[in-house]
Structures are given as structure tokens and as C-alpha cells.
Amino acid sequence: MGHESGIKKEGRAGDLVHIVWSAVRDRLLSGTLAPGNRIREAEIARELGISRAPVREALRMMEQKGLVAKSPNLSYVVVTLTERDISELMTMRVALEGLAAKLSFRRARTIEAMTAALSDMRKAVKRNDYVAAMASDKAFHLAMIEGADHDRLREVYATLTDQMHLAYVGLSLRRPDLTRIVKDHELLFDLAVNGASEDLVEELTRHIQFASTVLRNTV
């Protein structure tokens, strides 16, 4: 009986940590908590109606993922990505997405997912919705990762996605012109359907390198 109670208690604690993780992550990736902002444990605990223990555990896990860091006074702050951070993230994207593009080339599930993402992107850009446009951009690139059907590639890429999204938060606050995003992805889509895999990888590399330059200029 005591063992069963302990399991239930542990399960509930894990659920609370996940709730905190999701709540804080949403604020980070939406820009509500901007880079450098202090994360107030007591305030989050009060808002969610829980103790501070699961808040501390969630923040510790987020620190391991590179999303938050401890300040000199030991409170947590949102990570501020440097030019080097962005450069490293984007070179990893080139390597991982380039491999994914080769492995997923012309697979039906990849083309289907890219088609849906591109359709959503056009709609988002038409209504000048940056958040939705970036979500469809992410879905477009994930189509190749998922289509590659490579578990370790997917796992490594997943460790970078939140940091990559965080890199785009600063750009979103500047409300950039979205007219180029559809054109760039239409070209990638055309190469995925009608071109050679080498041409797709070459254009994908150029696409990511351009994004890297834009993001580093926001730092």
C-alpha cells in the first residue's frame, strides 16, 4: 500500500513538473519572457497553484536544455543567445537537415507534410501572422526530419529545436517582412519534388545560412 502511494505521489510530482515546463516554455518561445528576463519561481508557483519544488525542478531541466541559466544571485534568467550560439545552432541545422533531405527525398509522406506546411505558410503570410508563419516554417523543415525515418537524427534534432525557436524570438519582436519566406520555401519544395537531391541540399544550405546571417544581426 505504501509502495503504491509512493508511485502515485511520484507520478503527480512528474505531472506538475511537466505543467511548469510547458507554461514557462510557452512564455519563452512566445517572447512573453524575453532573453535576460528573470524567472520568478514564487510567482509561477502562485499562478499555477503549486509549491515551488516542481518549479525549481522544471527550471533545472530547462537549464540542462540551454533555455535558462542561473544568474550570479542564483535566480534563473532566460538565456540570451550570442552570435556564436546562433552560428553553432545553424551549422548543426545545415548538417542535420542536409542529411534528412537526402534520406527523405521524394518520399510521399515528406511531400505531403511539406505541401500542408507550405499551404499554412501562405495563409499566415497573407494575414501577416508572424507566429503562424514561423510555426509553418518549422513544420516544413520537420517534414524532412520525420520523413528521413531515422530515430537518432530525430532525437538529436529535437534537442536543438527549442533553442532554435528561442533564436527567432528576438527577430519576431522586430516584426520582419514576411514576403520572402514563401518564395524561399516554394523553391525548396520545387526542388524536393522535381529536382535532384544534391540541388535540394545545396539550396537548403543557402537558405539556412541566410537565416543565420539575419539572426546574428539581431544579437
C-alpha atoms as a PDB file:
ATOM      1  CA  MET A   1       0.000   0.000   0.000  1.00  0.00           C
ATOM      2  CA  GLY A   2       2.798   2.391   0.960  1.00  0.00           C
ATOM      3  CA  HIS A   3       4.718   1.499  -2.217  1.00  0.00           C
ATOM      4  CA  GLU A   4       1.639   2.189  -4.366  1.00  0.00           C
ATOM      5  CA  SER A   5       1.111   5.527  -2.613  1.00  0.00           C
ATOM      6  CA  GLY A   6       4.738   6.441  -3.299  1.00  0.00           C
ATOM      7  CA  ILE A   7       4.332   5.680  -7.006  1.00  0.00           C
ATOM      8  CA  LYS A   8       1.209   7.864  -7.197  1.00  0.00           C
ATOM      9  CA  LYS A   9       2.991  10.678  -5.388  1.00  0.00           C
ATOM     10  CA  GLU A  10       5.981  10.430  -7.730  1.00  0.00           C
ATOM     11  CA  GLY A  11       3.680  10.397 -10.756  1.00  0.00           C
ATOM     12  CA  ARG A  12       1.858  13.503  -9.556  1.00  0.00           C
ATOM     13  CA  ALA A  13       5.170  15.293  -8.969  1.00  0.00           C
ATOM     14  CA  GLY A  14       6.234  14.435 -12.512  1.00  0.00           C
ATOM     15  CA  ASP A  15       2.949  15.792 -13.871  1.00  0.00           C
ATOM     16  CA  LEU A  16       3.461  19.068 -12.004  1.00  0.00           C
ATOM     17  CA  VAL A  17       6.992  19.436 -13.365  1.00  0.00           C
ATOM     18  CA  HIS A  18       5.627  18.897 -16.882  1.00  0.00           C
ATOM     19  CA  ILE A  19       2.931  21.537 -16.292  1.00  0.00           C
ATOM     20  CA  VAL A  20       5.556  24.056 -15.167  1.00  0.00           C
ATOM     21  CA  TRP A  21       7.846  23.135 -18.059  1.00  0.00           C
ATOM     22  CA  SER A  22       5.057  23.722 -20.597  1.00  0.00           C
ATOM     23  CA  ALA A  23       3.936  27.003 -19.019  1.00  0.00           C
ATOM     24  CA  VAL A  24       7.438  28.501 -18.840  1.00  0.00           C
ATOM     25  CA  ARG A  25       8.416  27.168 -22.275  1.00  0.00           C
ATOM     26  CA  ASP A  26       5.355  28.791 -23.851  1.00  0.00           C
ATOM     27  CA  ARG A  27       6.323  32.136 -22.315  1.00  0.00           C
ATOM     28  CA  LEU A  28       9.908  31.830 -23.522  1.00  0.00           C
ATOM     29  CA  LEU A  29       9.041  30.877 -27.073  1.00  0.00           C
ATOM     30  CA  SER A  30       6.296  33.495 -27.386  1.00  0.00           C
ATOM     31  CA  GLY A  31       8.605  36.257 -26.172  1.00  0.00           C
ATOM     32  CA  THR A  32       6.486  36.943 -23.072  1.00  0.00           C
ATOM     33  CA  LEU A  33       9.646  36.126 -21.132  1.00  0.00           C
ATOM     34  CA  ALA A  34      12.376  37.804 -23.169  1.00  0.00           C
ATOM     35  CA  PRO A  35      16.092  36.923 -23.163  1.00  0.00           C
ATOM     36  CA  GLY A  36      17.679  38.165 -19.945  1.00  0.00           C
ATOM     37  CA  ASN A  37      14.374  38.320 -18.045  1.00  0.00           C
ATOM     38  CA  ARG A  38      14.388  36.920 -14.521  1.00  0.00           C
ATOM     39  CA  ILE A  39      12.086  33.959 -13.914  1.00  0.00           C
ATOM     40  CA  ARG A  40      10.351  34.358 -10.560  1.00  0.00           C
ATOM     41  CA  GLU A  41       9.773  30.929  -9.018  1.00  0.00           C
ATOM     42  CA  ALA A  42       7.338  32.161  -6.365  1.00  0.00           C
ATOM     43  CA  GLU A  43       5.228  33.983  -8.945  1.00  0.00           C
ATOM     44  CA  ILE A  44       4.985  30.931 -11.220  1.00  0.00           C
ATOM     45  CA  ALA A  45       4.128  28.670  -8.281  1.00  0.00           C
ATOM     46  CA  ARG A  46       1.397  31.069  -7.168  1.00  0.00           C
ATOM     47  CA  GLU A  47      -0.079  31.390 -10.673  1.00  0.00           C
ATOM     48  CA  LEU A  48      -0.193  27.605 -11.132  1.00  0.00           C
ATOM     49  CA  GLY A  49      -1.367  26.940  -7.577  1.00  0.00           C
ATOM     50  CA  ILE A  50       1.509  24.609  -6.714  1.00  0.00           C
ATOM     51  CA  SER A  51       4.565  24.538  -4.445  1.00  0.00           C
ATOM     52  CA  ARG A  52       7.948  25.855  -5.559  1.00  0.00           C
ATOM     53  CA  ALA A  53       9.570  22.384  -5.654  1.00  0.00           C
ATOM     54  CA  PRO A  54       8.256  21.360  -9.122  1.00  0.00           C
ATOM     55  CA  VAL A  55       9.030  24.869 -10.394  1.00  0.00           C
ATOM     56  CA  ARG A  56      12.661  24.506  -9.331  1.00  0.00           C
ATOM     57  CA  GLU A  57      12.879  21.033 -10.899  1.00  0.00           C
ATOM     58  CA  ALA A  58      11.394  22.232 -14.201  1.00  0.00           C
ATOM     59  CA  LEU A  59      13.823  25.162 -14.323  1.00  0.00           C
ATOM     60  CA  ARG A  60      16.737  22.843 -13.559  1.00  0.00           C
ATOM     61  CA  MET A  61      15.718  20.699 -16.535  1.00  0.00           C
ATOM     62  CA  MET A  62      15.375  23.780 -18.739  1.00  0.00           C
ATOM     63  CA  GLU A  63      18.874  24.831 -17.715  1.00  0.00           C
ATOM     64  CA  GLN A  64      20.166  21.477 -18.970  1.00  0.00           C
ATOM     65  CA  LYS A  65      18.398  22.140 -22.297  1.00  0.00           C
ATOM     66  CA  GLY A  66      20.091  25.534 -22.636  1.00  0.00           C
ATOM     67  CA  LEU A  67      16.899  27.588 -22.331  1.00  0.00           C
ATOM     68  CA  VAL A  68      17.550  29.245 -18.963  1.00  0.00           C
ATOM     69  CA  ALA A  69      20.660  29.960 -16.923  1.00  0.00           C
ATOM     70  CA  LYS A  70      21.485  30.804 -13.332  1.00  0.00           C
ATOM     71  CA  SER A  71      22.391  34.414 -12.647  1.00  0.00           C
ATOM     72  CA  PRO A  72      25.075  35.419 -10.096  1.00  0.00           C
ATOM     73  CA  ASN A  73      22.385  35.691  -7.386  1.00  0.00           C
ATOM     74  CA  LEU A  74      21.324  32.087  -8.223  1.00  0.00           C
ATOM     75  CA  SER A  75      17.935  33.039  -9.683  1.00  0.00           C
ATOM     76  CA  TYR A  76      17.092  31.771 -13.165  1.00  0.00           C
ATOM     77  CA  VAL A  77      17.032  34.028 -16.229  1.00  0.00           C
ATOM     78  CA  VAL A  78      16.094  33.396 -19.852  1.00  0.00           C
ATOM     79  CA  VAL A  79      19.191  32.595 -21.890  1.00  0.00           C
ATOM     80  CA  THR A  80      20.499  35.323 -24.183  1.00  0.00           C
ATOM     81  CA  LEU A  81      21.938  33.638 -27.260  1.00  0.00           C
ATOM     82  CA  THR A  82      25.202  35.033 -28.598  1.00  0.00           C
ATOM     83  CA  GLU A  83      26.343  35.244 -32.215  1.00  0.00           C
ATOM     84  CA  ARG A  84      28.415  32.126 -31.599  1.00  0.00           C
ATOM     85  CA  ASP A  85      25.398  30.267 -30.176  1.00  0.00           C
ATOM     86  CA  ILE A  86      23.356  31.096 -33.268  1.00  0.00           C
ATOM     87  CA  SER A  87      26.207  30.202 -35.613  1.00  0.00           C
ATOM     88  CA  GLU A  88      26.631  26.812 -33.919  1.00  0.00           C
ATOM     89  CA  LEU A  89      22.896  26.093 -33.995  1.00  0.00           C
ATOM     90  CA  MET A  90      22.684  26.929 -37.680  1.00  0.00           C
ATOM     91  CA  THR A  91      25.722  24.863 -38.664  1.00  0.00           C
ATOM     92  CA  MET A  92      24.085  21.943 -36.857  1.00  0.00           C
ATOM     93  CA  ARG A  93      20.897  22.624 -38.819  1.00  0.00           C
ATOM     94  CA  VAL A  94      22.829  22.505 -42.088  1.00  0.00           C
ATOM     95  CA  ALA A  95      24.331  19.129 -41.183  1.00  0.00           C
ATOM     96  CA  LEU A  96      21.174  17.526 -39.804  1.00  0.00           C
ATOM     97  CA  GLU A  97      18.670  18.895 -42.308  1.00  0.00           C
ATOM     98  CA  GLY A  98      21.035  18.194 -45.191  1.00  0.00           C
ATOM     99  CA  LEU A  99      21.163  14.537 -44.168  1.00  0.00           C
ATOM    100  CA  ALA A 100      17.398  14.484 -43.639  1.00  0.00           C
ATOM    101  CA  ALA A 101      16.803  15.992 -47.089  1.00  0.00           C
ATOM    102  CA  LYS A 102      18.800  13.175 -48.693  1.00  0.00           C
ATOM    103  CA  LEU A 103      17.141  10.402 -46.691  1.00  0.00           C
ATOM    104  CA  SER A 104      13.597  11.717 -47.122  1.00  0.00           C
ATOM    105  CA  PHE A 105      13.960  12.772 -50.761  1.00  0.00           C
ATOM    106  CA  ARG A 106      10.710  12.316 -52.729  1.00  0.00           C
ATOM    107  CA  ARG A 107       9.105  10.163 -50.058  1.00  0.00           C
ATOM    108  CA  ALA A 108       5.339  10.548 -50.209  1.00  0.00           C
ATOM    109  CA  ARG A 109       4.937  11.363 -46.502  1.00  0.00           C
ATOM    110  CA  THR A 110       7.586  14.092 -46.776  1.00  0.00           C
ATOM    111  CA  ILE A 111       5.978  15.743 -49.803  1.00  0.00           C
ATOM    112  CA  GLU A 112       2.537  15.538 -48.203  1.00  0.00           C
ATOM    113  CA  ALA A 113       3.734  17.209 -44.986  1.00  0.00           C
ATOM    114  CA  MET A 114       5.672  19.872 -46.901  1.00  0.00           C
ATOM    115  CA  THR A 115       2.599  20.627 -49.023  1.00  0.00           C
ATOM    116  CA  ALA A 116       0.443  21.161 -45.923  1.00  0.00           C
ATOM    117  CA  ALA A 117       3.088  23.342 -44.254  1.00  0.00           C
ATOM    118  CA  LEU A 118       3.521  25.482 -47.361  1.00  0.00           C
ATOM    119  CA  SER A 119      -0.240  25.981 -47.621  1.00  0.00           C
ATOM    120  CA  ASP A 120      -0.399  27.096 -43.978  1.00  0.00           C
ATOM    121  CA  MET A 121       2.579  29.386 -44.559  1.00  0.00           C
ATOM    122  CA  ARG A 122       0.897  31.175 -47.478  1.00  0.00           C
ATOM    123  CA  LYS A 123      -2.212  31.776 -45.368  1.00  0.00           C
ATOM    124  CA  ALA A 124      -0.173  33.060 -42.412  1.00  0.00           C
ATOM    125  CA  VAL A 125       1.861  35.440 -44.559  1.00  0.00           C
ATOM    126  CA  LYS A 126      -1.284  36.711 -46.271  1.00  0.00           C
ATOM    127  CA  ARG A 127      -2.673  37.812 -42.900  1.00  0.00           C
ATOM    128  CA  ASN A 128       0.804  38.957 -41.730  1.00  0.00           C
ATOM    129  CA  ASP A 129       0.803  36.496 -38.824  1.00  0.00           C
ATOM    130  CA  TYR A 130       4.469  36.065 -37.878  1.00  0.00           C
ATOM    131  CA  VAL A 131       3.892  33.425 -35.182  1.00  0.00           C
ATOM    132  CA  ALA A 132       1.838  31.222 -37.515  1.00  0.00           C
ATOM    133  CA  ALA A 133       4.326  31.749 -40.347  1.00  0.00           C
ATOM    134  CA  MET A 134       7.189  30.573 -38.146  1.00  0.00           C
ATOM    135  CA  ALA A 135       5.146  27.566 -36.999  1.00  0.00           C
ATOM    136  CA  SER A 136       4.564  26.525 -40.611  1.00  0.00           C
ATOM    137  CA  ASP A 137       8.248  27.167 -41.388  1.00  0.00           C
ATOM    138  CA  LYS A 138       9.163  24.781 -38.563  1.00  0.00           C
ATOM    139  CA  ALA A 139       6.641  22.206 -39.838  1.00  0.00           C
ATOM    140  CA  PHE A 140       8.112  22.416 -43.348  1.00  0.00           C
ATOM    141  CA  HIS A 141      11.609  21.583 -42.120  1.00  0.00           C
ATOM    142  CA  LEU A 142      10.347  18.938 -39.694  1.00  0.00           C
ATOM    143  CA  ALA A 143       8.719  17.200 -42.670  1.00  0.00           C
ATOM    144  CA  MET A 144      12.200  16.246 -43.860  1.00  0.00           C
ATOM    145  CA  ILE A 145      13.372  15.227 -40.388  1.00  0.00           C
ATOM    146  CA  GLU A 146      10.345  12.980 -39.865  1.00  0.00           C
ATOM    147  CA  GLY A 147      10.421  11.720 -43.443  1.00  0.00           C
ATOM    148  CA  ALA A 148      14.023  10.567 -43.027  1.00  0.00           C
ATOM    149  CA  ASP A 149      12.761   7.805 -40.698  1.00  0.00           C
ATOM    150  CA  HIS A 150      15.999   7.964 -38.693  1.00  0.00           C
ATOM    151  CA  ASP A 151      15.474   7.778 -34.927  1.00  0.00           C
ATOM    152  CA  ARG A 152      18.837   9.157 -33.845  1.00  0.00           C
ATOM    153  CA  LEU A 153      18.672  12.010 -36.325  1.00  0.00           C
ATOM    154  CA  ARG A 154      15.231  12.895 -34.967  1.00  0.00           C
ATOM    155  CA  GLU A 155      16.457  12.730 -31.357  1.00  0.00           C
ATOM    156  CA  VAL A 156      19.486  14.959 -31.951  1.00  0.00           C
ATOM    157  CA  TYR A 157      17.409  17.483 -33.899  1.00  0.00           C
ATOM    158  CA  ALA A 158      14.820  17.578 -31.110  1.00  0.00           C
ATOM    159  CA  THR A 159      17.476  18.689 -28.617  1.00  0.00           C
ATOM    160  CA  LEU A 160      18.071  21.810 -30.722  1.00  0.00           C
ATOM    161  CA  THR A 161      14.547  22.848 -31.714  1.00  0.00           C
ATOM    162  CA  ASP A 162      13.667  24.920 -28.632  1.00  0.00           C
ATOM    163  CA  GLN A 163      16.993  26.765 -28.735  1.00  0.00           C
ATOM    164  CA  MET A 164      16.483  27.444 -32.440  1.00  0.00           C
ATOM    165  CA  HIS A 165      12.985  28.739 -31.733  1.00  0.00           C
ATOM    166  CA  LEU A 166      14.379  30.934 -28.969  1.00  0.00           C
ATOM    167  CA  ALA A 167      16.785  32.427 -31.507  1.00  0.00           C
ATOM    168  CA  TYR A 168      13.810  33.572 -33.587  1.00  0.00           C
ATOM    169  CA  VAL A 169      12.072  35.301 -30.666  1.00  0.00           C
ATOM    170  CA  GLY A 170      14.252  38.410 -30.966  1.00  0.00           C
ATOM    171  CA  LEU A 171      13.510  38.566 -34.678  1.00  0.00           C
ATOM    172  CA  SER A 172       9.762  38.262 -34.079  1.00  0.00           C
ATOM    173  CA  LEU A 173       9.793  41.321 -31.822  1.00  0.00           C
ATOM    174  CA  ARG A 174      11.052  43.346 -34.800  1.00  0.00           C
ATOM    175  CA  ARG A 175       8.137  42.194 -36.966  1.00  0.00           C
ATOM    176  CA  PRO A 176      10.174  41.379 -40.086  1.00  0.00           C
ATOM    177  CA  ASP A 177       8.893  41.442 -43.652  1.00  0.00           C
ATOM    178  CA  LEU A 178       7.412  38.014 -44.417  1.00  0.00           C
ATOM    179  CA  THR A 179       7.261  38.314 -48.208  1.00  0.00           C
ATOM    180  CA  ARG A 180      10.471  36.333 -48.766  1.00  0.00           C
ATOM    181  CA  ILE A 181       9.581  33.333 -46.622  1.00  0.00           C
ATOM    182  CA  VAL A 182       7.010  31.832 -49.018  1.00  0.00           C
ATOM    183  CA  LYS A 183       9.196  32.337 -52.084  1.00  0.00           C
ATOM    184  CA  ASP A 184      12.162  30.622 -50.410  1.00  0.00           C
ATOM    185  CA  HIS A 185      10.119  27.610 -49.332  1.00  0.00           C
ATOM    186  CA  GLU A 186       8.385  27.314 -52.693  1.00  0.00           C
ATOM    187  CA  LEU A 187      11.836  26.957 -54.253  1.00  0.00           C
ATOM    188  CA  LEU A 188      12.795  24.277 -51.718  1.00  0.00           C
ATOM    189  CA  PHE A 189       9.514  22.479 -52.367  1.00  0.00           C
ATOM    190  CA  ASP A 190      10.012  22.573 -56.140  1.00  0.00           C
ATOM    191  CA  LEU A 191      13.476  21.049 -55.760  1.00  0.00           C
ATOM    192  CA  ALA A 192      12.102  18.388 -53.398  1.00  0.00           C
ATOM    193  CA  VAL A 193       9.507  17.378 -55.995  1.00  0.00           C
ATOM    194  CA  ASN A 194      11.223  17.987 -59.328  1.00  0.00           C
ATOM    195  CA  GLY A 195      14.937  18.474 -58.692  1.00  0.00           C
ATOM    196  CA  ALA A 196      17.904  16.347 -57.694  1.00  0.00           C
ATOM    197  CA  SER A 197      18.664  15.679 -54.036  1.00  0.00           C
ATOM    198  CA  GLU A 198      22.041  17.431 -54.383  1.00  0.00           C
ATOM    199  CA  ASP A 199      20.318  20.595 -55.612  1.00  0.00           C
ATOM    200  CA  LEU A 200      17.859  20.473 -52.717  1.00  0.00           C
ATOM    201  CA  VAL A 201      20.671  20.142 -50.162  1.00  0.00           C
ATOM    202  CA  GLU A 202      22.603  22.998 -51.788  1.00  0.00           C
ATOM    203  CA  GLU A 203      19.598  25.338 -51.714  1.00  0.00           C
ATOM    204  CA  LEU A 204      18.680  24.234 -48.192  1.00  0.00           C
ATOM    205  CA  THR A 205      22.206  25.097 -47.040  1.00  0.00           C
ATOM    206  CA  ARG A 206      21.952  28.525 -48.654  1.00  0.00           C
ATOM    207  CA  HIS A 207      18.539  29.040 -47.047  1.00  0.00           C
ATOM    208  CA  ILE A 208      19.790  28.208 -43.529  1.00  0.00           C
ATOM    209  CA  GLN A 209      22.953  30.280 -43.932  1.00  0.00           C
ATOM    210  CA  PHE A 210      20.850  33.305 -44.900  1.00  0.00           C
ATOM    211  CA  ALA A 211      18.688  32.766 -41.800  1.00  0.00           C
ATOM    212  CA  SER A 212      21.854  32.553 -39.705  1.00  0.00           C
ATOM    213  CA  THR A 213      23.043  35.922 -41.009  1.00  0.00           C
ATOM    214  CA  VAL A 214      19.681  37.555 -40.291  1.00  0.00           C
ATOM    215  CA  LEU A 215      19.521  36.138 -36.766  1.00  0.00           C
ATOM    216  CA  ARG A 216      23.094  37.087 -35.889  1.00  0.00           C
ATOM    217  CA  ASN A 217      22.310  40.650 -36.927  1.00  0.00           C
ATOM    218  CA  THR A 218      19.584  40.775 -34.263  1.00  0.00           C
ATOM    219  CA  VAL A 219      22.007  39.992 -31.421  1.00  0.00           C
END
